Amino acid sequence: MTRTHSQATAVTETGEAPVVVDLRQERIGLHTSESGTVAIEDTAVWRAIANTGHVRLRLPDGREGAFQAPHGAGAPPTPGNPARFRVERSDGETF
């Protein structure tokens, strides 16, 4: 299992916003999956994720991937209280 805990950028059709990601890769047989959590404070970008269930995440080293929020994006962020929600890799790749 590989784990990534890092600053990242959430990219949506609305724009981009800084986020904190905590992702892990797990290999089960021939299949590798990647999932984890995202914490975001930007309301406009959070709303775009909540509306579509999809987000691209870009790590500081430039790697980027498509993720989905299978259980929704949770409650909206408020000042000092970022929204936290679960994501799963949706493009079949891993970081």
Protein backbone atom coordinates (compact mmCIF):
# COMPACT_ATOMS: atom_id res chain seq x y z
CA MET A 1 0.00 0.00 0.00
CA THR A 2 1.26 3.45 -0.96
CA ARG A 3 -0.02 6.57 0.79
CA THR A 4 0.00 10.22 -0.36
CA HIS A 5 -0.78 12.99 2.14
CA SER A 6 -0.18 16.31 0.44
CA GLN A 7 -1.33 19.70 -0.68
CA ALA A 8 -2.93 19.46 -4.13
CA THR A 9 -5.14 21.42 -6.51
CA ALA A 10 -8.76 20.55 -7.27
CA VAL A 11 -9.60 21.31 -10.90
CA THR A 12 -13.23 21.67 -12.05
CA GLU A 13 -15.07 23.50 -14.83
CA THR A 14 -15.64 26.30 -12.30
CA GLY A 15 -11.95 26.80 -11.56
CA GLU A 16 -9.15 25.58 -9.36
CA ALA A 17 -8.69 25.57 -5.59
CA PRO A 18 -6.09 24.34 -3.11
CA VAL A 19 -6.99 21.16 -1.24
CA VAL A 20 -5.38 18.67 1.11
CA VAL A 21 -5.52 15.05 -0.05
CA ASP A 22 -4.95 11.83 1.83
CA LEU A 23 -4.87 9.07 -0.79
CA ARG A 24 -3.81 5.45 -0.69
CA GLN A 25 -3.14 2.86 -3.33
CA GLU A 26 -4.00 -0.75 -2.69
CA ARG A 27 -3.15 -3.68 -4.89
CA ILE A 28 -5.50 -6.66 -4.73
CA GLY A 29 -4.37 -9.35 -7.14
CA LEU A 30 -3.92 -7.68 -10.52
CA HIS A 31 -6.11 -4.69 -9.65
CA THR A 32 -4.78 -1.47 -8.13
CA SER A 33 -7.24 1.01 -6.67
CA GLU A 34 -6.71 4.51 -5.33
CA SER A 35 -9.03 6.27 -2.90
CA GLY A 36 -8.98 8.58 0.09
CA THR A 37 -10.22 11.94 1.29
CA VAL A 38 -10.13 15.55 0.14
CA ALA A 39 -10.42 18.64 2.35
CA ILE A 40 -11.46 21.86 0.57
CA GLU A 41 -12.28 25.38 1.76
CA ASP A 42 -13.27 26.99 -1.58
CA THR A 43 -17.08 27.08 -1.78
CA ALA A 44 -17.39 27.61 -5.57
CA VAL A 45 -15.13 24.68 -6.46
CA TRP A 46 -16.73 22.53 -3.72
CA ARG A 47 -20.15 23.30 -5.27
CA ALA A 48 -18.92 22.17 -8.72
CA ILE A 49 -17.74 18.88 -7.17
CA ALA A 50 -21.02 18.49 -5.29
CA ASN A 51 -23.02 19.08 -8.50
CA THR A 52 -21.08 16.68 -10.74
CA GLY A 53 -19.46 14.24 -8.32
CA HIS A 54 -16.21 14.56 -10.30
CA VAL A 55 -12.90 16.36 -9.76
CA ARG A 56 -9.40 16.30 -11.20
CA LEU A 57 -6.66 16.40 -8.58
CA ARG A 58 -3.21 17.78 -9.40
CA LEU A 59 -0.32 16.98 -7.07
CA PRO A 60 2.54 19.48 -6.52
CA ASP A 61 4.83 17.49 -8.85
CA GLY A 62 2.34 17.94 -11.72
CA ARG A 63 0.76 14.47 -11.74
CA GLU A 64 -2.98 14.73 -12.29
CA GLY A 65 -5.86 12.27 -12.14
CA ALA A 66 -9.64 12.00 -12.37
CA PHE A 67 -11.57 11.17 -9.21
CA GLN A 68 -15.22 10.84 -8.26
CA ALA A 69 -16.98 11.51 -4.98
CA PRO A 70 -19.17 8.37 -4.83
CA HIS A 71 -21.03 9.43 -1.69
CA GLY A 72 -21.33 13.13 -2.51
CA ALA A 73 -19.23 16.06 -1.33
CA GLY A 74 -20.73 16.37 2.15
CA ALA A 75 -21.66 19.61 3.83
CA PRO A 76 -20.34 22.85 2.32
CA PRO A 77 -17.19 24.39 3.78
CA THR A 78 -17.45 27.25 6.23
CA PRO A 79 -14.68 29.63 7.38
CA GLY A 80 -12.11 27.59 9.27
CA ASN A 81 -14.00 24.33 8.64
CA PRO A 82 -13.16 22.71 5.29
CA ALA A 83 -15.51 20.23 3.65
CA ARG A 84 -14.11 16.69 3.80
CA PHE A 85 -15.31 13.91 1.55
CA ARG A 86 -14.25 10.56 0.14
CA VAL A 87 -12.93 10.17 -3.41
CA GLU A 88 -12.10 7.21 -5.64
CA ARG A 89 -9.93 7.21 -8.75
CA SER A 90 -12.18 7.04 -11.81
CA ASP A 91 -9.76 7.00 -14.76
CA GLY A 92 -8.23 3.58 -14.14
CA GLU A 93 -4.79 5.06 -13.44
CA THR A 94 -2.85 5.56 -10.21
CA PHE A 95 -0.32 8.17 -9.09
